Amino acid sequence: MSKLTRELADLAEMLINMKNDLGLKNINPTEAHVLLMIIREYEMSGNCSMLKAVEVSRKSRSTVYKAIRKLVKHRIVKIVNSQNDKRSFLVVPQI
């Protein structure tokens, strides 16, 4: 095994362990991707709107909304009204 493949395998193992440690066993890879992109955007800019989640996830709107609904159901994220724009909803990580 090359050094690069070993490092990739170690990274994959670390991510799997983190997912399990955070109690995220019941989410599929698409939902995990959407969650990671929401968290990344939230940490970078301080918030993440539903529309921004679609943009940064690079998935269809229906796929992202479906993933967010499941993440809300499992209390991994919550949806709140934006203080700046009452028509906008923000996704807030709860982990």
PDB file of N, CA and C in Angstrom:
ATOM      1  N   MET A   1       0.850  -1.179   0.000  1.00  0.00           N
ATOM      2  CA  MET A   1       0.000   0.000   0.000  1.00  0.00           C
ATOM      3  C   MET A   1       0.893   1.240   0.000  1.00  0.00           C
ATOM      4  N   SER A   2       0.569   2.207  -0.831  1.00  0.00           N
ATOM      5  CA  SER A   2       1.354   3.437  -0.870  1.00  0.00           C
ATOM      6  C   SER A   2       1.021   4.316   0.333  1.00  0.00           C
ATOM      7  N   LYS A   3       1.869   5.305   0.558  1.00  0.00           N
ATOM      8  CA  LYS A   3       1.647   6.228   1.672  1.00  0.00           C
ATOM      9  C   LYS A   3       0.321   6.974   1.496  1.00  0.00           C
ATOM     10  N   LEU A   4       0.026   7.369   0.275  1.00  0.00           N
ATOM     11  CA  LEU A   4      -1.212   8.103   0.001  1.00  0.00           C
ATOM     12  C   LEU A   4      -2.451   7.247   0.283  1.00  0.00           C
ATOM     13  N   THR A   5      -2.461   6.019  -0.195  1.00  0.00           N
ATOM     14  CA  THR A   5      -3.623   5.163   0.057  1.00  0.00           C
ATOM     15  C   THR A   5      -3.752   4.843   1.535  1.00  0.00           C
ATOM     16  N   ARG A   6      -2.643   4.700   2.242  1.00  0.00           N
ATOM     17  CA  ARG A   6      -2.687   4.466   3.692  1.00  0.00           C
ATOM     18  C   ARG A   6      -3.312   5.664   4.397  1.00  0.00           C
ATOM     19  N   GLU A   7      -2.910   6.887   3.997  1.00  0.00           N
ATOM     20  CA  GLU A   7      -3.454   8.103   4.605  1.00  0.00           C
ATOM     21  C   GLU A   7      -4.949   8.250   4.301  1.00  0.00           C
ATOM     22  N   LEU A   8      -5.348   7.923   3.088  1.00  0.00           N
ATOM     23  CA  LEU A   8      -6.770   7.971   2.740  1.00  0.00           C
ATOM     24  C   LEU A   8      -7.574   6.951   3.544  1.00  0.00           C
ATOM     25  N   ALA A   9      -7.016   5.762   3.709  1.00  0.00           N
ATOM     26  CA  ALA A   9      -7.687   4.736   4.510  1.00  0.00           C
ATOM     27  C   ALA A   9      -7.811   5.189   5.963  1.00  0.00           C
ATOM     28  N   ASP A  10      -6.762   5.806   6.490  1.00  0.00           N
ATOM     29  CA  ASP A  10      -6.798   6.321   7.864  1.00  0.00           C
ATOM     30  C   ASP A  10      -7.833   7.436   8.012  1.00  0.00           C
ATOM     31  N   LEU A  11      -7.908   8.301   6.997  1.00  0.00           N
ATOM     32  CA  LEU A  11      -8.896   9.386   7.019  1.00  0.00           C
ATOM     33  C   LEU A  11     -10.315   8.827   6.997  1.00  0.00           C
ATOM     34  N   ALA A  12     -10.553   7.850   6.151  1.00  0.00           N
ATOM     35  CA  ALA A  12     -11.878   7.217   6.080  1.00  0.00           C
ATOM     36  C   ALA A  12     -12.240   6.588   7.421  1.00  0.00           C
ATOM     37  N   GLU A  13     -11.295   5.903   8.028  1.00  0.00           N
ATOM     38  CA  GLU A  13     -11.524   5.282   9.346  1.00  0.00           C
ATOM     39  C   GLU A  13     -11.860   6.337  10.396  1.00  0.00           C
ATOM     40  N   MET A  14     -11.117   7.455  10.370  1.00  0.00           N
ATOM     41  CA  MET A  14     -11.355   8.532  11.329  1.00  0.00           C
ATOM     42  C   MET A  14     -12.762   9.106  11.155  1.00  0.00           C
ATOM     43  N   LEU A  15     -13.184   9.333   9.902  1.00  0.00           N
ATOM     44  CA  LEU A  15     -14.515   9.883   9.648  1.00  0.00           C
ATOM     45  C   LEU A  15     -15.621   8.921  10.078  1.00  0.00           C
ATOM     46  N   ILE A  16     -15.422   7.644   9.832  1.00  0.00           N
ATOM     47  CA  ILE A  16     -16.403   6.641  10.270  1.00  0.00           C
ATOM     48  C   ILE A  16     -16.516   6.645  11.784  1.00  0.00           C
ATOM     49  N   ASN A  17     -15.377   6.687  12.469  1.00  0.00           N
ATOM     50  CA  ASN A  17     -15.380   6.706  13.935  1.00  0.00           C
ATOM     51  C   ASN A  17     -16.048   7.971  14.475  1.00  0.00           C
ATOM     52  N   MET A  18     -15.771   9.120  13.849  1.00  0.00           N
ATOM     53  CA  MET A  18     -16.396  10.368  14.285  1.00  0.00           C
ATOM     54  C   MET A  18     -17.907  10.306  14.086  1.00  0.00           C
ATOM     55  N   LYS A  19     -18.330   9.766  12.951  1.00  0.00           N
ATOM     56  CA  LYS A  19     -19.767   9.631  12.667  1.00  0.00           C
ATOM     57  C   LYS A  19     -20.439   8.782  13.739  1.00  0.00           C
ATOM     58  N   ASN A  20     -19.812   7.682  14.100  1.00  0.00           N
ATOM     59  CA  ASN A  20     -20.366   6.806  15.140  1.00  0.00           C
ATOM     60  C   ASN A  20     -20.346   7.479  16.509  1.00  0.00           C
ATOM     61  N   ASP A  21     -19.245   8.171  16.826  1.00  0.00           N
ATOM     62  CA  ASP A  21     -19.127   8.851  18.119  1.00  0.00           C
ATOM     63  C   ASP A  21     -20.183   9.945  18.290  1.00  0.00           C
ATOM     64  N   LEU A  22     -20.556  10.582  17.187  1.00  0.00           N
ATOM     65  CA  LEU A  22     -21.550  11.657  17.239  1.00  0.00           C
ATOM     66  C   LEU A  22     -22.982  11.137  17.159  1.00  0.00           C
ATOM     67  N   GLY A  23     -23.132   9.833  17.078  1.00  0.00           N
ATOM     68  CA  GLY A  23     -24.472   9.252  17.018  1.00  0.00           C
ATOM     69  C   GLY A  23     -25.135   9.426  15.668  1.00  0.00           C
ATOM     70  N   LEU A  24     -24.340   9.440  14.610  1.00  0.00           N
ATOM     71  CA  LEU A  24     -24.867   9.666  13.272  1.00  0.00           C
ATOM     72  C   LEU A  24     -24.922   8.382  12.454  1.00  0.00           C
ATOM     73  N   LYS A  25     -25.127   7.257  13.112  1.00  0.00           N
ATOM     74  CA  LYS A  25     -25.134   5.959  12.438  1.00  0.00           C
ATOM     75  C   LYS A  25     -26.292   5.811  11.464  1.00  0.00           C
ATOM     76  N   ASN A  26     -27.380   6.523  11.698  1.00  0.00           N
ATOM     77  CA  ASN A  26     -28.598   6.337  10.912  1.00  0.00           C
ATOM     78  C   ASN A  26     -28.718   7.242   9.700  1.00  0.00           C
ATOM     79  N   ILE A  27     -27.657   7.972   9.354  1.00  0.00           N
ATOM     80  CA  ILE A  27     -27.742   8.820   8.175  1.00  0.00           C
ATOM     81  C   ILE A  27     -26.931   8.210   7.040  1.00  0.00           C
ATOM     82  N   ASN A  28     -27.427   8.396   5.834  1.00  0.00           N
ATOM     83  CA  ASN A  28     -26.752   7.818   4.673  1.00  0.00           C
ATOM     84  C   ASN A  28     -25.658   8.769   4.174  1.00  0.00           C
ATOM     85  N   PRO A  29     -24.841   8.356   3.208  1.00  0.00           N
ATOM     86  CA  PRO A  29     -23.741   9.201   2.727  1.00  0.00           C
ATOM     87  C   PRO A  29     -24.184  10.558   2.177  1.00  0.00           C
ATOM     88  N   THR A  30     -25.317  10.614   1.504  1.00  0.00           N
ATOM     89  CA  THR A  30     -25.801  11.892   0.982  1.00  0.00           C
ATOM     90  C   THR A  30     -26.158  12.831   2.124  1.00  0.00           C
ATOM     91  N   GLU A  31     -26.851  12.308   3.129  1.00  0.00           N
ATOM     92  CA  GLU A  31     -27.212  13.125   4.298  1.00  0.00           C
ATOM     93  C   GLU A  31     -25.968  13.567   5.050  1.00  0.00           C
ATOM     94  N   ALA A  32     -24.982  12.695   5.151  1.00  0.00           N
ATOM     95  CA  ALA A  32     -23.719  13.045   5.813  1.00  0.00           C
ATOM     96  C   ALA A  32     -23.014  14.169   5.047  1.00  0.00           C
ATOM     97  N   HIS A  33     -23.019  14.083   3.711  1.00  0.00           N
ATOM     98  CA  HIS A  33     -22.404  15.136   2.893  1.00  0.00           C
ATOM     99  C   HIS A  33     -23.114  16.471   3.102  1.00  0.00           C
ATOM    100  N   VAL A  34     -24.437  16.456   3.059  1.00  0.00           N
ATOM    101  CA  VAL A  34     -25.204  17.685   3.261  1.00  0.00           C
ATOM    102  C   VAL A  34     -24.897  18.263   4.642  1.00  0.00           C
ATOM    103  N   LEU A  35     -24.868  17.419   5.656  1.00  0.00           N
ATOM    104  CA  LEU A  35     -24.557  17.878   7.015  1.00  0.00           C
ATOM    105  C   LEU A  35     -23.173  18.505   7.081  1.00  0.00           C
ATOM    106  N   LEU A  36     -22.181  17.860   6.502  1.00  0.00           N
ATOM    107  CA  LEU A  36     -20.821  18.405   6.535  1.00  0.00           C
ATOM    108  C   LEU A  36     -20.742  19.749   5.820  1.00  0.00           C
ATOM    109  N   MET A  37     -21.444  19.895   4.711  1.00  0.00           N
ATOM    110  CA  MET A  37     -21.431  21.162   3.985  1.00  0.00           C
ATOM    111  C   MET A  37     -22.155  22.258   4.770  1.00  0.00           C
ATOM    112  N   ILE A  38     -23.233  21.896   5.459  1.00  0.00           N
ATOM    113  CA  ILE A  38     -23.939  22.865   6.314  1.00  0.00           C
ATOM    114  C   ILE A  38     -23.019  23.310   7.446  1.00  0.00           C
ATOM    115  N   ILE A  39     -22.368  22.361   8.093  1.00  0.00           N
ATOM    116  CA  ILE A  39     -21.474  22.697   9.202  1.00  0.00           C
ATOM    117  C   ILE A  39     -20.324  23.567   8.718  1.00  0.00           C
ATOM    118  N   ARG A  40     -19.763  23.215   7.566  1.00  0.00           N
ATOM    119  CA  ARG A  40     -18.652  24.009   7.010  1.00  0.00           C
ATOM    120  C   ARG A  40     -19.101  25.440   6.749  1.00  0.00           C
ATOM    121  N   GLU A  41     -20.239  25.616   6.098  1.00  0.00           N
ATOM    122  CA  GLU A  41     -20.751  26.955   5.810  1.00  0.00           C
ATOM    123  C   GLU A  41     -21.073  27.709   7.096  1.00  0.00           C
ATOM    124  N   TYR A  42     -21.657  27.018   8.048  1.00  0.00           N
ATOM    125  CA  TYR A  42     -22.006  27.630   9.338  1.00  0.00           C
ATOM    126  C   TYR A  42     -20.752  28.133  10.049  1.00  0.00           C
ATOM    127  N   GLU A  43     -19.697  27.336  10.046  1.00  0.00           N
ATOM    128  CA  GLU A  43     -18.446  27.733  10.698  1.00  0.00           C
ATOM    129  C   GLU A  43     -17.735  28.862   9.948  1.00  0.00           C
ATOM    130  N   MET A  44     -17.846  28.869   8.624  1.00  0.00           N
ATOM    131  CA  MET A  44     -17.157  29.889   7.832  1.00  0.00           C
ATOM    132  C   MET A  44     -17.859  31.245   7.872  1.00  0.00           C
ATOM    133  N   SER A  45     -19.196  31.243   7.836  1.00  0.00           N
ATOM    134  CA  SER A  45     -19.913  32.516   7.734  1.00  0.00           C
ATOM    135  C   SER A  45     -20.812  32.837   8.921  1.00  0.00           C
ATOM    136  N   GLY A  46     -20.987  31.894   9.829  1.00  0.00           N
ATOM    137  CA  GLY A  46     -21.814  32.142  10.997  1.00  0.00           C
ATOM    138  C   GLY A  46     -23.260  31.740  10.832  1.00  0.00           C
ATOM    139  N   ASN A  47     -23.666  31.366   9.609  1.00  0.00           N
ATOM    140  CA  ASN A  47     -25.020  30.869   9.382  1.00  0.00           C
ATOM    141  C   ASN A  47     -25.057  30.097   8.069  1.00  0.00           C
ATOM    142  N   CYS A  48     -26.153  29.390   7.863  1.00  0.00           N
ATOM    143  CA  CYS A  48     -26.346  28.643   6.622  1.00  0.00           C
ATOM    144  C   CYS A  48     -27.840  28.587   6.335  1.00  0.00           C
ATOM    145  N   SER A  49     -28.235  29.265   5.279  1.00  0.00           N
ATOM    146  CA  SER A  49     -29.647  29.235   4.891  1.00  0.00           C
ATOM    147  C   SER A  49     -29.946  27.937   4.154  1.00  0.00           C
ATOM    148  N   MET A  50     -31.221  27.652   4.008  1.00  0.00           N
ATOM    149  CA  MET A  50     -31.626  26.460   3.262  1.00  0.00           C
ATOM    150  C   MET A  50     -31.108  26.551   1.827  1.00  0.00           C
ATOM    151  N   LEU A  51     -31.221  27.715   1.209  1.00  0.00           N
ATOM    152  CA  LEU A  51     -30.750  27.879  -0.163  1.00  0.00           C
ATOM    153  C   LEU A  51     -29.235  27.752  -0.258  1.00  0.00           C
ATOM    154  N   LYS A  52     -28.525  28.264   0.736  1.00  0.00           N
ATOM    155  CA  LYS A  52     -27.069  28.137   0.750  1.00  0.00           C
ATOM    156  C   LYS A  52     -26.670  26.674   0.906  1.00  0.00           C
ATOM    157  N   ALA A  53     -27.433  25.918   1.682  1.00  0.00           N
ATOM    158  CA  ALA A  53     -27.159  24.488   1.849  1.00  0.00           C
ATOM    159  C   ALA A  53     -27.244  23.769   0.510  1.00  0.00           C
ATOM    160  N   VAL A  54     -28.222  24.147  -0.311  1.00  0.00           N
ATOM    161  CA  VAL A  54     -28.353  23.559  -1.654  1.00  0.00           C
ATOM    162  C   VAL A  54     -27.126  23.926  -2.487  1.00  0.00           C
ATOM    163  N   GLU A  55     -26.747  25.183  -2.436  1.00  0.00           N
ATOM    164  CA  GLU A  55     -25.610  25.666  -3.225  1.00  0.00           C
ATOM    165  C   GLU A  55     -24.305  24.974  -2.852  1.00  0.00           C
ATOM    166  N   VAL A  56     -23.989  24.935  -1.564  1.00  0.00           N
ATOM    167  CA  VAL A  56     -22.697  24.378  -1.146  1.00  0.00           C
ATOM    168  C   VAL A  56     -22.665  22.855  -1.228  1.00  0.00           C
ATOM    169  N   SER A  57     -23.827  22.224  -1.159  1.00  0.00           N
ATOM    170  CA  SER A  57     -23.876  20.760  -1.247  1.00  0.00           C
ATOM    171  C   SER A  57     -23.742  20.269  -2.680  1.00  0.00           C
ATOM    172  N   ARG A  58     -24.104  21.143  -3.620  1.00  0.00           N
ATOM    173  CA  ARG A  58     -24.061  20.778  -5.041  1.00  0.00           C
ATOM    174  C   ARG A  58     -24.924  19.555  -5.343  1.00  0.00           C
ATOM    175  N   LYS A  59     -26.053  19.528  -4.679  1.00  0.00           N
ATOM    176  CA  LYS A  59     -27.066  18.491  -4.897  1.00  0.00           C
ATOM    177  C   LYS A  59     -28.352  19.204  -5.292  1.00  0.00           C
ATOM    178  N   SER A  60     -29.314  18.443  -5.755  1.00  0.00           N
ATOM    179  CA  SER A  60     -30.593  19.057  -6.116  1.00  0.00           C
ATOM    180  C   SER A  60     -31.291  19.585  -4.868  1.00  0.00           C
ATOM    181  N   ARG A  61     -32.148  20.567  -5.081  1.00  0.00           N
ATOM    182  CA  ARG A  61     -32.881  21.153  -3.956  1.00  0.00           C
ATOM    183  C   ARG A  61     -33.707  20.103  -3.242  1.00  0.00           C
ATOM    184  N   SER A  62     -34.374  19.236  -3.990  1.00  0.00           N
ATOM    185  CA  SER A  62     -35.212  18.212  -3.354  1.00  0.00           C
ATOM    186  C   SER A  62     -34.360  17.246  -2.522  1.00  0.00           C
ATOM    187  N   THR A  63     -33.180  16.893  -3.006  1.00  0.00           N
ATOM    188  CA  THR A  63     -32.294  15.993  -2.255  1.00  0.00           C
ATOM    189  C   THR A  63     -31.832  16.646  -0.962  1.00  0.00           C
ATOM    190  N   VAL A  64     -31.425  17.908  -1.045  1.00  0.00           N
ATOM    191  CA  VAL A  64     -30.945  18.616   0.150  1.00  0.00           C
ATOM    192  C   VAL A  64     -32.079  18.814   1.151  1.00  0.00           C
ATOM    193  N   TYR A  65     -33.256  19.209   0.684  1.00  0.00           N
ATOM    194  CA  TYR A  65     -34.383  19.413   1.594  1.00  0.00           C
ATOM    195  C   TYR A  65     -34.786  18.110   2.274  1.00  0.00           C
ATOM    196  N   LYS A  66     -34.782  17.025   1.520  1.00  0.00           N
ATOM    197  CA  LYS A  66     -35.093  15.711   2.095  1.00  0.00           C
ATOM    198  C   LYS A  66     -34.052  15.340   3.163  1.00  0.00           C
ATOM    199  N   ALA A  67     -32.782  15.583   2.876  1.00  0.00           N
ATOM    200  CA  ALA A  67     -31.721  15.292   3.843  1.00  0.00           C
ATOM    201  C   ALA A  67     -31.884  16.149   5.097  1.00  0.00           C
ATOM    202  N   ILE A  68     -32.192  17.420   4.910  1.00  0.00           N
ATOM    203  CA  ILE A  68     -32.372  18.318   6.060  1.00  0.00           C
ATOM    204  C   ILE A  68     -33.553  17.868   6.908  1.00  0.00           C
ATOM    205  N   ARG A  69     -34.649  17.460   6.261  1.00  0.00           N
ATOM    206  CA  ARG A  69     -35.812  16.961   7.029  1.00  0.00           C
ATOM    207  C   ARG A  69     -35.410  15.781   7.919  1.00  0.00           C
ATOM    208  N   LYS A  70     -34.613  14.865   7.375  1.00  0.00           N
ATOM    209  CA  LYS A  70     -34.184  13.720   8.171  1.00  0.00           C
ATOM    210  C   LYS A  70     -33.239  14.161   9.285  1.00  0.00           C
ATOM    211  N   LEU A  71     -32.354  15.101   9.007  1.00  0.00           N
ATOM    212  CA  LEU A  71     -31.439  15.604  10.033  1.00  0.00           C
ATOM    213  C   LEU A  71     -32.203  16.320  11.148  1.00  0.00           C
ATOM    214  N   VAL A  72     -33.269  17.016  10.788  1.00  0.00           N
ATOM    215  CA  VAL A  72     -34.124  17.668  11.796  1.00  0.00           C
ATOM    216  C   VAL A  72     -34.831  16.604  12.631  1.00  0.00           C
ATOM    217  N   LYS A  73     -35.356  15.593  11.970  1.00  0.00           N
ATOM    218  CA  LYS A  73     -36.059  14.511  12.665  1.00  0.00           C
ATOM    219  C   LYS A  73     -35.158  13.852  13.716  1.00  0.00           C
ATOM    220  N   HIS A  74     -33.884  13.707  13.383  1.00  0.00           N
ATOM    221  CA  HIS A  74     -32.931  13.076  14.307  1.00  0.00           C
ATOM    222  C   HIS A  74     -32.262  14.092  15.248  1.00  0.00           C
ATOM    223  N   ARG A  75     -32.750  15.338  15.193  1.00  0.00           N
ATOM    224  CA  ARG A  75     -32.257  16.424  16.056  1.00  0.00           C
ATOM    225  C   ARG A  75     -30.761  16.688  15.889  1.00  0.00           C
ATOM    226  N   ILE A  76     -30.302  16.565  14.660  1.00  0.00           N
ATOM    227  CA  ILE A  76     -28.902  16.851  14.334  1.00  0.00           C
ATOM    228  C   ILE A  76     -28.763  18.311  13.916  1.00  0.00           C
ATOM    229  N   VAL A  77     -29.805  18.837  13.290  1.00  0.00           N
ATOM    230  CA  VAL A  77     -29.874  20.255  12.945  1.00  0.00           C
ATOM    231  C   VAL A  77     -31.273  20.747  13.306  1.00  0.00           C
ATOM    232  N   LYS A  78     -31.417  22.059  13.373  1.00  0.00           N
ATOM    233  CA  LYS A  78     -32.749  22.643  13.524  1.00  0.00           C
ATOM    234  C   LYS A  78     -32.889  23.765  12.505  1.00  0.00           C
ATOM    235  N   ILE A  79     -34.116  24.100  12.203  1.00  0.00           N
ATOM    236  CA  ILE A  79     -34.414  25.167  11.252  1.00  0.00           C
ATOM    237  C   ILE A  79     -35.024  26.323  12.027  1.00  0.00           C
ATOM    238  N   VAL A  80     -34.483  27.520  11.793  1.00  0.00           N
ATOM    239  CA  VAL A  80     -34.992  28.723  12.464  1.00  0.00           C
ATOM    240  C   VAL A  80     -35.221  29.806  11.421  1.00  0.00           C
ATOM    241  N   ASN A  81     -36.091  30.754  11.741  1.00  0.00           N
ATOM    242  CA  ASN A  81     -36.309  31.906  10.868  1.00  0.00           C
ATOM    243  C   ASN A  81     -35.099  32.827  10.934  1.00  0.00           C
ATOM    244  N   SER A  82     -34.735  33.374   9.800  1.00  0.00           N
ATOM    245  CA  SER A  82     -33.645  34.347   9.748  1.00  0.00           C
ATOM    246  C   SER A  82     -34.101  35.652  10.390  1.00  0.00           C
ATOM    247  N   GLN A  83     -33.242  36.266  11.163  1.00  0.00           N
ATOM    248  CA  GLN A  83     -33.553  37.568  11.757  1.00  0.00           C
ATOM    249  C   GLN A  83     -33.482  38.675  10.706  1.00  0.00           C
ATOM    250  N   ASN A  84     -32.639  38.468   9.678  1.00  0.00           N
ATOM    251  CA  ASN A  84     -32.436  39.494   8.655  1.00  0.00           C
ATOM    252  C   ASN A  84     -33.497  39.460   7.558  1.00  0.00           C
ATOM    253  N   ASP A  85     -33.986  38.284   7.241  1.00  0.00           N
ATOM    254  CA  ASP A  85     -34.961  38.127   6.159  1.00  0.00           C
ATOM    255  C   ASP A  85     -35.997  37.102   6.607  1.00  0.00           C
ATOM    256  N   LYS A  86     -37.168  37.565   6.940  1.00  0.00           N
ATOM    257  CA  LYS A  86     -38.214  36.689   7.484  1.00  0.00           C
ATOM    258  C   LYS A  86     -38.667  35.618   6.491  1.00  0.00           C
ATOM    259  N   ARG A  87     -38.345  35.784   5.208  1.00  0.00           N
ATOM    260  CA  ARG A  87     -38.698  34.773   4.215  1.00  0.00           C
ATOM    261  C   ARG A  87     -37.678  33.645   4.170  1.00  0.00           C
ATOM    262  N   SER A  88     -36.543  33.847   4.812  1.00  0.00           N
ATOM    263  CA  SER A  88     -35.440  32.888   4.749  1.00  0.00           C
ATOM    264  C   SER A  88     -35.389  32.033   6.013  1.00  0.00           C
ATOM    265  N   PHE A  89     -34.985  30.788   5.829  1.00  0.00           N
ATOM    266  CA  PHE A  89     -34.826  29.868   6.946  1.00  0.00           C
ATOM    267  C   PHE A  89     -33.367  29.461   7.054  1.00  0.00           C
ATOM    268  N   LEU A  90     -32.875  29.386   8.275  1.00  0.00           N
ATOM    269  CA  LEU A  90     -31.490  29.001   8.529  1.00  0.00           C
ATOM    270  C   LEU A  90     -31.433  27.584   9.093  1.00  0.00           C
ATOM    271  N   VAL A  91     -30.394  26.878   8.740  1.00  0.00           N
ATOM    272  CA  VAL A  91     -30.149  25.530   9.260  1.00  0.00           C
ATOM    273  C   VAL A  91     -29.041  25.665  10.293  1.00  0.00           C
ATOM    274  N   VAL A  92     -29.336  25.229  11.529  1.00  0.00           N
ATOM    275  CA  VAL A  92     -28.383  25.377  12.628  1.00  0.00           C
ATOM    276  C   VAL A  92     -27.975  24.001  13.133  1.00  0.00           C
ATOM    277  N   PRO A  93     -26.679  23.679  13.062  1.00  0.00           N
ATOM    278  CA  PRO A  93     -26.213  22.376  13.589  1.00  0.00           C
ATOM    279  C   PRO A  93     -26.467  22.278  15.090  1.00  0.00           C
ATOM    280  N   GLN A  94     -26.853  21.089  15.533  1.00  0.00           N
ATOM    281  CA  GLN A  94     -27.135  20.854  16.948  1.00  0.00           C
ATOM    282  C   GLN A  94     -26.155  19.877  17.583  1.00  0.00           C
ATOM    283  N   ILE A  95     -25.107  19.526  16.869  1.00  0.00           N
ATOM    284  CA  ILE A  95     -24.116  18.594  17.412  1.00  0.00           C
ATOM    285  C   ILE A  95     -22.852  19.329  17.774  1.00  0.00           C
TER     286      ILE A  95
END
